[in-house]
Amino acid sequence: MSEAASTVETPVKVPETLFSEENRTSAFKAKDTLLLIMTFLPVLIGWLAKVLFLKPSEGVEITGAYIFFTIKLPLMDLPITEAQVNSWLVIIAIAFLCLYLTHGIKAGVYTKRAVLAEWAVEKVEDLVRSNMGEYFMGMAPFIAAILGLSAFSSLISLLGLFPPTSDLNIVGGWALLVFILITYYKMKCGPLHYLKSFCEPAPFLAPLNVISEVATPVSMAFRHYANILSGSVISVLLAAALASLSQLLIGWLPGFLGKIPIFRIGIPAILSIYFDLFSGCLQAFVFAMLTMLYVGGAFSLEDYMKKKEKKKAKKVSNTLS
C-alpha cells in the first residue's frame, strides 16, 4: 500500500452522546417541556378568550375583529381588538418556538431541532443574499420575523382563531415599518440624493414618483390584507352553500338524518388547504419578497460608498491642515 493511500482519513462522526447525556438530565427535559407548553399556551388563551367574549352566531355571519374593550385617550380612543390580541399571541408563540428549537444547541452537534433551526436560518440568509446582496445580510432576522409572523398569523385560522392578517390595521402597521426602512436607506446617501431620486428619470415625473412612494406601503398592506380576507370570506360562503345543499337534497329524511350537513364533511377541509394553508404561506412569502426588493432597490451602494470616500478624504485633509 502506498504512503498516500495510508494517509487517507475517514470522516469522523460526531457522537450523539455529546447531546444525549445533557438531554437525559431532568432539568433539561423540564425546560424543554416548559418551552413547548409556552409555545402552545397562546393558542389555548385565544380559544378561551373566544369562548368567553364571543357569542355564537346563527347562520352566515362575516364580521371584522371583535372589540374586547376600549382605552380612553385624549385624541382618540384605542380599541383593543381580537386582531391585536391574536397578533401578540402569535408573537409569543413564535418566540417560545425559537427558544425551543435553539435550546441546548451546540456547535458540531447535530440534532433534529438543530438541523431544523439551521436549515431555516440558511434559507432566509440565502433569500436575503440573492435579493438584496451581502450588504443587507443584517436584515436576515427581520425578514425571518416577517415570514414567521405573517405565515403564523394567517395559519391560526386553521385553529378557529381570527387571523390578524385579515385586519388592515395589523398589516398596515407592517407596511408602514417597511416604508420607514425604505426611506431610511434612501436617506443614507444624503437628503439631497433622496430628493433627486424623485426627479429620475426626468424632472417632470416628480409628482408621479411622489405618488408612487406613498402608494408603496398602501399597496403592500391592501394586497396582503385583501388576499387573506377574500380567502376567509370565500371559505365561509362555500361552507354555508354546502350546508344549504345538504338540507335541500337530504332534508326530507326523517329525524336527525335530515339535519346532517353531509356535503360539509371533508370538502371545506380540502378548500382550506388552498385558502388557509397555501395562500397564507404564499402571501407571507410575497410580503417578504416585496420588502427585500423595495428596501434593496431604495439603496444605492455605489453612491453610498462614494459619499463615504468623500467624507474620509475630507477628514484626512482637515487633519493634515
Protein backbone atom coordinates (compact mmCIF):
# COMPACT_ATOMS: atom_id res chain seq x y z
CA MET A 1 0.00 0.00 0.00
CA SER A 2 1.34 3.44 -0.95
CA GLU A 3 2.09 6.13 1.55
CA ALA A 4 -0.59 8.42 0.03
CA ALA A 5 -3.23 5.74 0.38
CA SER A 6 -2.32 5.09 4.01
CA THR A 7 -2.90 8.73 4.97
CA VAL A 8 -6.50 8.86 3.73
CA GLU A 9 -8.71 9.96 6.61
CA THR A 10 -12.21 8.64 7.14
CA PRO A 11 -14.92 11.15 8.14
CA VAL A 12 -15.37 11.38 11.86
CA LYS A 13 -18.93 11.13 13.10
CA VAL A 14 -19.95 13.35 15.95
CA PRO A 15 -21.02 11.10 18.83
CA GLU A 16 -24.66 11.59 19.71
CA THR A 17 -23.85 11.10 23.38
CA LEU A 18 -22.49 14.62 23.50
CA PHE A 19 -26.05 15.86 23.38
CA SER A 20 -27.91 12.84 24.70
CA GLU A 21 -26.15 13.00 28.08
CA GLU A 22 -27.37 16.53 28.59
CA ASN A 23 -30.75 15.61 27.20
CA ARG A 24 -31.17 12.91 29.84
CA THR A 25 -30.98 15.37 32.70
CA SER A 26 -34.29 16.15 34.35
CA ALA A 27 -33.60 19.91 34.28
CA PHE A 28 -33.12 19.88 30.52
CA LYS A 29 -36.31 17.87 29.97
CA ALA A 30 -38.24 20.13 32.31
CA LYS A 31 -37.14 23.24 30.43
CA ASP A 32 -37.97 21.54 27.13
CA THR A 33 -41.46 20.73 28.36
CA LEU A 34 -41.95 24.26 29.69
CA LEU A 35 -40.94 25.79 26.34
CA LEU A 36 -43.35 23.53 24.47
CA ILE A 37 -46.17 24.41 26.86
CA MET A 38 -45.46 28.12 26.44
CA THR A 39 -45.47 27.65 22.65
CA PHE A 40 -49.00 26.19 22.62
CA LEU A 41 -50.37 28.17 25.58
CA PRO A 42 -51.14 31.29 23.49
CA VAL A 43 -53.45 29.18 21.31
CA LEU A 44 -55.32 27.99 24.40
CA ILE A 45 -55.60 31.59 25.59
CA GLY A 46 -57.03 32.59 22.22
CA TRP A 47 -59.61 29.82 22.39
CA LEU A 48 -60.53 30.79 25.96
CA ALA A 49 -60.96 34.45 25.00
CA LYS A 50 -63.15 33.43 22.07
CA VAL A 51 -65.36 31.25 24.26
CA LEU A 52 -65.71 33.89 27.00
CA PHE A 53 -66.29 37.00 24.87
CA LEU A 54 -67.66 35.93 21.50
CA LYS A 55 -71.28 34.87 21.23
CA PRO A 56 -72.09 32.01 18.83
CA SER A 57 -73.62 33.30 15.60
CA GLU A 58 -76.68 31.94 13.87
CA GLY A 59 -76.31 31.32 10.16
CA VAL A 60 -73.71 33.04 7.97
CA GLU A 61 -72.03 36.00 9.65
CA ILE A 62 -68.94 37.74 8.27
CA THR A 63 -67.64 40.43 10.60
CA GLY A 64 -64.36 42.07 11.49
CA ALA A 65 -62.29 41.56 14.61
CA TYR A 66 -64.20 41.54 17.90
CA ILE A 67 -63.51 44.55 20.18
CA PHE A 68 -62.71 43.33 23.71
CA PHE A 69 -62.52 46.78 25.32
CA THR A 70 -61.61 50.38 24.53
CA ILE A 71 -58.94 52.53 26.18
CA LYS A 72 -59.95 56.17 26.52
CA LEU A 73 -57.25 58.57 25.24
CA PRO A 74 -57.20 62.37 24.80
CA LEU A 75 -57.05 62.47 20.99
CA MET A 76 -58.95 59.31 20.10
CA ASP A 77 -59.97 56.08 21.75
CA LEU A 78 -57.84 52.95 21.34
CA PRO A 79 -59.90 49.78 20.79
CA ILE A 80 -58.24 46.51 21.80
CA THR A 81 -59.47 44.05 19.21
CA GLU A 82 -59.28 40.33 18.57
CA ALA A 83 -56.73 41.01 15.82
CA GLN A 84 -54.35 42.80 18.20
CA VAL A 85 -54.65 40.14 20.90
CA ASN A 86 -54.15 37.26 18.45
CA SER A 87 -51.19 39.06 16.89
CA TRP A 88 -49.47 39.24 20.29
CA LEU A 89 -50.34 35.60 20.95
CA VAL A 90 -48.64 34.64 17.67
CA ILE A 91 -45.56 36.69 18.59
CA ILE A 92 -45.31 34.97 21.99
CA ALA A 93 -45.79 31.52 20.42
CA ILE A 94 -43.07 32.16 17.82
CA ALA A 95 -40.68 33.46 20.49
CA PHE A 96 -41.00 30.31 22.59
CA LEU A 97 -40.83 28.10 19.50
CA CYS A 98 -37.47 29.71 18.64
CA LEU A 99 -36.29 29.18 22.21
CA TYR A 100 -37.31 25.52 22.00
CA LEU A 101 -35.50 24.97 18.68
CA THR A 102 -32.31 26.57 19.97
CA HIS A 103 -32.42 25.02 23.44
CA GLY A 104 -29.23 23.06 24.08
CA ILE A 105 -27.86 23.74 20.61
CA LYS A 106 -24.08 23.19 20.31
CA ALA A 107 -21.51 23.65 17.57
CA GLY A 108 -20.73 20.39 15.80
CA VAL A 109 -23.59 18.51 17.47
CA TYR A 110 -26.48 17.82 15.10
CA THR A 111 -29.88 17.03 16.50
CA LYS A 112 -33.24 17.20 14.74
CA ARG A 113 -34.12 20.59 16.19
CA ALA A 114 -30.63 21.96 15.48
CA VAL A 115 -30.83 20.83 11.85
CA LEU A 116 -34.29 22.40 11.50
CA ALA A 117 -33.16 25.69 13.03
CA GLU A 118 -30.00 25.77 10.90
CA TRP A 119 -32.00 24.98 7.75
CA ALA A 120 -34.41 27.86 8.44
CA VAL A 121 -31.56 30.33 9.06
CA GLU A 122 -29.68 29.24 5.94
CA LYS A 123 -32.76 29.52 3.73
CA VAL A 124 -33.56 33.04 4.94
CA GLU A 125 -29.93 34.13 4.57
CA ASP A 126 -29.80 32.73 1.03
CA LEU A 127 -33.03 34.59 0.26
CA VAL A 128 -31.64 37.89 1.53
CA ARG A 129 -28.29 37.37 -0.19
CA SER A 130 -29.84 36.63 -3.58
CA ASN A 131 -32.35 39.50 -3.47
CA MET A 132 -30.55 42.24 -1.52
CA GLY A 133 -26.83 41.46 -1.61
CA GLU A 134 -24.15 40.93 1.02
CA TYR A 135 -24.52 44.44 2.43
CA PHE A 136 -28.02 43.63 3.72
CA MET A 137 -27.21 40.34 5.45
CA GLY A 138 -28.04 42.03 8.75
CA MET A 139 -31.65 42.21 7.53
CA ALA A 140 -32.00 38.41 7.63
CA PRO A 141 -33.52 38.30 11.17
CA PHE A 142 -36.04 40.99 10.18
CA ILE A 143 -37.07 39.09 7.03
CA ALA A 144 -37.34 35.86 9.05
CA ALA A 145 -39.57 37.68 11.55
CA ILE A 146 -41.82 38.96 8.74
CA LEU A 147 -42.10 35.48 7.23
CA GLY A 148 -42.88 33.80 10.53
CA LEU A 149 -45.27 36.43 11.85
CA SER A 150 -47.20 36.72 8.59
CA ALA A 151 -47.44 32.96 7.97
CA PHE A 152 -48.47 32.01 11.51
CA SER A 153 -50.89 34.94 11.74
CA SER A 154 -52.72 33.53 8.72
CA LEU A 155 -52.43 29.86 9.72
CA ILE A 156 -54.12 30.30 13.10
CA SER A 157 -57.40 30.44 11.19
CA LEU A 158 -56.98 26.66 10.86
CA LEU A 159 -57.32 26.52 14.66
CA GLY A 160 -60.56 28.51 14.64
CA LEU A 161 -58.99 31.84 15.68
CA PHE A 162 -59.34 35.17 13.91
CA PRO A 163 -56.28 35.70 11.66
CA PRO A 164 -54.62 39.08 12.34
CA THR A 165 -53.73 39.33 8.65
CA SER A 166 -57.47 39.78 7.97
CA ASP A 167 -57.27 43.15 9.75
CA LEU A 168 -55.98 46.05 7.67
CA ASN A 169 -54.63 47.83 10.77
CA ILE A 170 -52.22 44.97 11.53
CA VAL A 171 -50.89 44.56 8.01
CA GLY A 172 -50.84 48.34 7.56
CA GLY A 173 -48.51 48.61 10.57
CA TRP A 174 -46.11 46.13 8.97
CA ALA A 175 -46.21 48.04 5.67
CA LEU A 176 -45.58 51.33 7.48
CA LEU A 177 -42.49 49.83 9.13
CA VAL A 178 -41.23 48.72 5.71
CA PHE A 179 -41.86 52.24 4.37
CA ILE A 180 -39.74 53.69 7.19
CA LEU A 181 -36.92 51.30 6.26
CA ILE A 182 -37.20 52.29 2.58
CA THR A 183 -36.95 55.98 3.48
CA TYR A 184 -34.06 55.33 5.90
CA TYR A 185 -31.94 53.56 3.27
CA LYS A 186 -32.73 56.21 0.67
CA MET A 187 -31.58 58.87 3.13
CA LYS A 188 -28.28 57.09 3.84
CA CYS A 189 -26.83 58.72 0.74
CA GLY A 190 -27.93 62.13 1.97
CA PRO A 191 -31.10 64.27 1.87
CA LEU A 192 -30.11 65.78 -1.49
CA HIS A 193 -29.72 62.33 -3.04
CA TYR A 194 -33.14 61.39 -1.64
CA LEU A 195 -34.82 64.44 -3.18
CA LYS A 196 -33.03 63.91 -6.51
CA SER A 197 -34.44 60.37 -6.69
CA PHE A 198 -37.91 61.85 -7.22
CA CYS A 199 -36.69 63.61 -10.37
CA GLU A 200 -35.48 60.44 -12.08
CA PRO A 201 -35.55 59.65 -14.93
CA ALA A 202 -36.96 63.11 -15.73
CA PRO A 203 -37.87 66.09 -13.51
CA PHE A 204 -41.44 66.32 -14.85
CA LEU A 205 -42.10 62.84 -13.42
CA ALA A 206 -41.54 64.06 -9.83
CA PRO A 207 -45.29 64.19 -8.93
CA LEU A 208 -45.77 60.63 -10.15
CA ASN A 209 -42.71 59.47 -8.20
CA VAL A 210 -44.06 61.07 -5.02
CA ILE A 211 -47.39 59.30 -5.53
CA SER A 212 -45.57 56.03 -6.19
CA GLU A 213 -43.56 56.47 -3.00
CA VAL A 214 -46.69 56.95 -0.90
CA ALA A 215 -48.51 54.15 -2.73
CA THR A 216 -45.84 51.57 -1.85
CA PRO A 217 -46.96 50.82 1.75
CA VAL A 218 -50.62 51.19 0.77
CA SER A 219 -50.34 48.59 -2.00
CA MET A 220 -48.35 46.21 0.22
CA ALA A 221 -50.94 46.42 3.01
CA PHE A 222 -54.01 46.07 0.78
CA ARG A 223 -52.51 43.22 -1.24
CA HIS A 224 -51.78 41.12 1.83
CA TYR A 225 -54.99 42.03 3.66
CA ALA A 226 -57.30 41.53 0.68
CA ASN A 227 -55.91 38.13 -0.29
CA ILE A 228 -56.24 36.70 3.23
CA LEU A 229 -59.66 38.27 3.85
CA SER A 230 -61.05 37.12 0.50
CA GLY A 231 -59.96 33.55 1.26
CA SER A 232 -61.74 33.65 4.62
CA VAL A 233 -64.93 35.08 3.09
CA ILE A 234 -64.97 32.52 0.27
CA SER A 235 -64.45 29.66 2.74
CA VAL A 236 -67.40 30.83 4.88
CA LEU A 237 -69.68 31.30 1.88
CA LEU A 238 -68.81 27.90 0.45
CA ALA A 239 -69.40 26.21 3.81
CA ALA A 240 -72.81 27.90 4.06
CA ALA A 241 -73.67 26.94 0.48
CA LEU A 242 -72.71 23.31 1.12
CA ALA A 243 -74.89 23.25 4.25
CA SER A 244 -77.84 24.57 2.23
CA LEU A 245 -77.21 21.99 -0.46
CA SER A 246 -77.20 19.22 2.13
CA GLN A 247 -80.51 20.49 3.53
CA LEU A 248 -82.01 20.66 0.03
CA LEU A 249 -81.03 17.13 -1.00
CA ILE A 250 -81.39 15.10 2.19
CA GLY A 251 -83.56 17.36 4.33
CA TRP A 252 -86.58 15.14 3.60
CA LEU A 253 -85.05 12.25 5.60
CA PRO A 254 -86.69 11.63 9.00
CA GLY A 255 -85.15 12.67 12.31
CA PHE A 256 -81.53 13.66 12.67
CA LEU A 257 -80.63 12.15 9.29
CA GLY A 258 -82.12 15.14 7.51
CA LYS A 259 -80.06 17.57 9.61
CA ILE A 260 -76.64 16.08 8.80
CA PRO A 261 -74.67 18.57 6.63
CA ILE A 262 -73.12 15.76 4.64
CA PHE A 263 -71.59 17.99 1.96
CA ARG A 264 -69.74 19.99 4.61
CA ILE A 265 -67.79 16.89 5.60
CA GLY A 266 -64.35 16.94 4.00
CA ILE A 267 -64.97 19.43 1.19
CA PRO A 268 -64.32 22.62 3.24
CA ALA A 269 -61.14 21.00 4.60
CA ILE A 270 -59.88 20.43 1.05
CA LEU A 271 -60.66 24.04 0.13
CA SER A 272 -58.93 25.17 3.31
CA ILE A 273 -55.67 23.65 2.06
CA TYR A 274 -55.57 26.41 -0.55
CA PHE A 275 -57.36 29.34 1.09
CA ASP A 276 -55.78 28.99 4.53
CA LEU A 277 -52.59 26.95 4.19
CA PHE A 278 -51.19 27.62 0.71
CA SER A 279 -52.50 31.18 0.33
CA GLY A 280 -51.36 32.18 3.84
CA CYS A 281 -47.81 30.95 3.28
CA LEU A 282 -47.75 32.42 -0.24
CA GLN A 283 -48.79 35.87 0.95
CA ALA A 284 -46.15 35.77 3.69
CA PHE A 285 -43.51 34.97 1.07
CA VAL A 286 -44.79 37.71 -1.27
CA PHE A 287 -44.76 40.32 1.52
CA ALA A 288 -41.20 39.35 2.49
CA MET A 289 -40.07 39.45 -1.16
CA LEU A 290 -41.59 42.89 -1.69
CA THR A 291 -39.88 44.09 1.48
CA MET A 292 -36.49 42.89 0.24
CA LEU A 293 -36.98 44.30 -3.27
CA TYR A 294 -38.24 47.70 -2.11
CA VAL A 295 -35.60 48.17 0.59
CA GLY A 296 -32.76 46.79 -1.54
CA GLY A 297 -33.82 48.87 -4.55
CA ALA A 298 -34.03 52.04 -2.46
CA PHE A 299 -30.35 51.88 -1.52
CA SER A 300 -27.53 52.69 -3.93
CA LEU A 301 -24.40 51.04 -2.56
CA GLU A 302 -22.20 52.72 -5.17
CA ASP A 303 -23.39 56.22 -4.25
CA TYR A 304 -23.13 55.40 -0.55
CA MET A 305 -19.50 54.26 -0.91
CA LYS A 306 -18.68 57.41 -2.89
CA LYS A 307 -20.17 59.51 -0.10
CA LYS A 308 -18.10 57.64 2.49
CA GLU A 309 -14.93 58.11 0.46
CA LYS A 310 -15.59 61.85 0.17
CA LYS A 311 -16.14 62.10 3.93
CA LYS A 312 -12.97 60.13 4.57
CA ALA A 313 -10.94 62.28 2.18
CA LYS A 314 -12.31 65.46 3.74
CA LYS A 315 -11.48 64.20 7.22
CA VAL A 316 -7.92 63.39 6.17
CA SER A 317 -7.46 66.81 4.55
CA ASN A 318 -8.76 68.56 7.65
CA THR A 319 -6.38 66.53 9.81
CA LEU A 320 -3.38 67.37 7.64
CA SER A 321 -4.28 71.04 7.55
